[in-house]
Amino acid sequence: MTQPSLDAVKAQAKALRQALQARGTVVSHAQALELIARQHGARDWNTLHARLTRQNVLPELAFGDRVAGYYLGQAYTGEIVALSGPAGHHHVEIKLDQPVDTVRFESFSNWRRRIRGTLDVDGRSHRKTSDSAPHLIVEKVSS
């Protein structure tokens, strides 16, 4: 079964809201989205939204995978040496090919050879820096 597009389900919610309003039942846009989500078998709108936007999902990670990305704004390459948890909440540890300096001050350094984080389905850490950038961004490197 093919999934509808995000635009299609939003249009369904809008049409449902208008149809209910025409019959005297006023619902908010958020309530209409929740009802449409349930019609598509999701427990709520956020779940349906996540399901429909998974085109950009990080390929499934595995122990030993080669990865690249950014840690605290510093580019890195490395290998996954520990991995646990379900997709969308992977706890990952990466052994870096080259150490990265996690401090941006000229007078101080903190070189890391291994990094850890918890990743969402897009390969981004849940934790963010003060400028809202993810602490860790992981992309699988093709072999």
Protein backbone atom coordinates (compact mmCIF):
# COMPACT_ATOMS: atom_id res chain seq x y z
CA MET A 1 0.00 0.00 0.00
CA THR A 2 1.41 3.38 -0.98
CA GLN A 3 1.46 6.21 1.51
CA PRO A 4 -0.29 9.48 0.65
CA SER A 5 1.84 12.60 0.45
CA LEU A 6 2.03 15.04 3.32
CA ASP A 7 0.25 17.63 1.17
CA ALA A 8 -2.55 15.12 0.47
CA VAL A 9 -3.26 14.42 4.14
CA LYS A 10 -3.17 18.13 4.95
CA ALA A 11 -5.71 18.69 2.17
CA GLN A 12 -7.85 15.88 3.64
CA ALA A 13 -7.78 17.60 7.03
CA LYS A 14 -8.78 20.89 5.48
CA ALA A 15 -11.66 19.25 3.56
CA LEU A 16 -12.82 17.42 6.70
CA ARG A 17 -12.76 20.64 8.70
CA GLN A 18 -14.81 22.46 6.04
CA ALA A 19 -17.32 19.59 5.76
CA LEU A 20 -17.83 19.43 9.51
CA GLN A 21 -18.17 23.21 9.73
CA ALA A 22 -20.82 23.15 6.98
CA ARG A 23 -22.80 20.75 9.19
CA GLY A 24 -22.44 22.94 12.27
CA THR A 25 -19.52 21.18 13.97
CA VAL A 26 -16.52 23.43 14.43
CA VAL A 27 -13.13 21.75 14.83
CA SER A 28 -9.70 23.32 14.84
CA HIS A 29 -7.15 22.56 12.16
CA ALA A 30 -5.12 20.59 14.74
CA GLN A 31 -8.17 18.48 15.63
CA ALA A 32 -8.79 17.76 11.94
CA LEU A 33 -5.16 16.68 11.52
CA GLU A 34 -5.52 14.31 14.49
CA LEU A 35 -8.69 12.78 13.00
CA ILE A 36 -7.04 12.27 9.62
CA ALA A 37 -4.01 10.69 11.30
CA ARG A 38 -6.26 8.12 12.97
CA GLN A 39 -7.93 7.37 9.63
CA HIS A 40 -4.50 6.50 8.27
CA GLY A 41 -3.78 4.16 11.19
CA ALA A 42 -1.51 6.50 13.17
CA ARG A 43 -2.01 7.18 16.85
CA ASP A 44 -1.66 10.95 16.32
CA TRP A 45 -0.65 13.63 13.84
CA ASN A 46 3.02 13.64 14.86
CA THR A 47 3.28 9.90 14.20
CA LEU A 48 1.67 10.21 10.76
CA HIS A 49 3.81 13.22 9.92
CA ALA A 50 6.98 11.29 10.83
CA ARG A 51 5.86 8.29 8.77
CA LEU A 52 5.19 10.41 5.70
CA THR A 53 8.43 12.38 5.89
CA ARG A 54 10.79 9.41 6.27
CA GLN A 55 12.12 9.74 2.72
CA ASN A 56 15.22 11.40 4.19
CA VAL A 57 15.72 8.82 6.90
CA LEU A 58 19.25 7.73 7.69
CA PRO A 59 19.89 4.21 6.35
CA GLU A 60 19.91 1.61 9.11
CA LEU A 61 23.18 1.80 11.01
CA ALA A 62 25.21 -1.24 12.03
CA PHE A 63 28.28 -2.02 14.09
CA GLY A 64 31.39 -1.41 11.98
CA ASP A 65 29.72 0.99 9.51
CA ARG A 66 31.86 3.79 8.11
CA VAL A 67 30.31 7.18 8.87
CA ALA A 68 31.04 10.87 8.38
CA GLY A 69 29.49 14.07 9.64
CA TYR A 70 29.93 16.81 12.21
CA TYR A 71 30.54 16.74 15.94
CA LEU A 72 30.15 20.10 17.72
CA GLY A 73 30.67 21.79 14.34
CA GLN A 74 33.84 19.84 13.47
CA ALA A 75 33.90 17.53 10.42
CA TYR A 76 34.85 13.92 11.10
CA THR A 77 35.05 10.44 9.58
CA GLY A 78 35.08 7.23 11.57
CA GLU A 79 33.66 3.81 12.36
CA ILE A 80 30.74 2.80 14.58
CA VAL A 81 32.19 0.83 17.51
CA ALA A 82 29.04 0.65 19.66
CA LEU A 83 25.36 0.84 18.78
CA SER A 84 22.18 0.23 20.74
CA GLY A 85 18.56 1.28 20.82
CA PRO A 86 15.87 1.41 18.16
CA ALA A 87 15.95 3.50 14.99
CA GLY A 88 15.06 7.05 15.90
CA HIS A 89 16.79 6.68 19.24
CA HIS A 90 20.13 5.02 18.39
CA HIS A 91 22.86 5.36 21.00
CA VAL A 92 26.04 5.41 18.96
CA GLU A 93 29.77 5.54 19.68
CA ILE A 94 32.15 6.41 16.87
CA LYS A 95 35.91 5.83 16.77
CA LEU A 96 37.28 8.76 14.77
CA ASP A 97 39.88 8.38 12.02
CA GLN A 98 41.48 11.65 13.16
CA PRO A 99 40.86 13.39 16.51
CA VAL A 100 38.67 16.49 16.46
CA ASP A 101 39.06 19.54 18.69
CA THR A 102 35.73 20.19 20.40
CA VAL A 103 36.73 23.63 21.68
CA ARG A 104 36.68 26.71 19.47
CA PHE A 105 39.05 28.85 21.56
CA GLU A 106 42.63 29.41 20.42
CA SER A 107 43.99 29.24 23.98
CA PHE A 108 42.44 25.85 24.85
CA SER A 109 41.88 22.49 23.15
CA ASN A 110 39.96 19.31 23.92
CA TRP A 111 40.82 16.62 21.36
CA ARG A 112 38.39 13.69 21.07
CA ARG A 113 39.20 10.32 19.49
CA ARG A 114 35.76 8.82 20.23
CA ILE A 115 32.39 10.51 20.26
CA ARG A 116 28.95 9.42 21.47
CA GLY A 117 25.42 10.57 20.90
CA THR A 118 21.77 9.60 20.59
CA LEU A 119 20.42 9.95 17.05
CA ASP A 120 16.97 10.58 15.60
CA VAL A 121 15.82 8.99 12.31
CA ASP A 122 17.65 11.67 10.33
CA GLY A 123 21.01 10.88 11.97
CA ARG A 124 21.02 14.01 14.12
CA SER A 125 21.49 14.12 17.86
CA HIS A 126 18.64 15.13 20.09
CA ARG A 127 21.00 17.41 22.03
CA LYS A 128 21.76 20.82 20.53
CA THR A 129 24.40 23.49 20.94
CA SER A 130 23.50 26.98 22.13
CA ASP A 131 22.98 28.02 18.49
CA SER A 132 20.49 25.11 17.99
CA ALA A 133 22.83 22.98 15.87
CA PRO A 134 22.80 19.25 16.66
CA HIS A 135 25.80 18.09 18.74
CA LEU A 136 26.28 15.16 16.35
CA ILE A 137 25.35 14.61 12.71
CA VAL A 138 25.97 11.15 11.24
CA GLU A 139 25.83 10.06 7.60
CA LYS A 140 26.55 6.52 6.49
CA VAL A 141 29.43 6.34 4.00
CA SER A 142 28.88 3.97 1.10
CA SER A 143 31.44 1.23 0.79
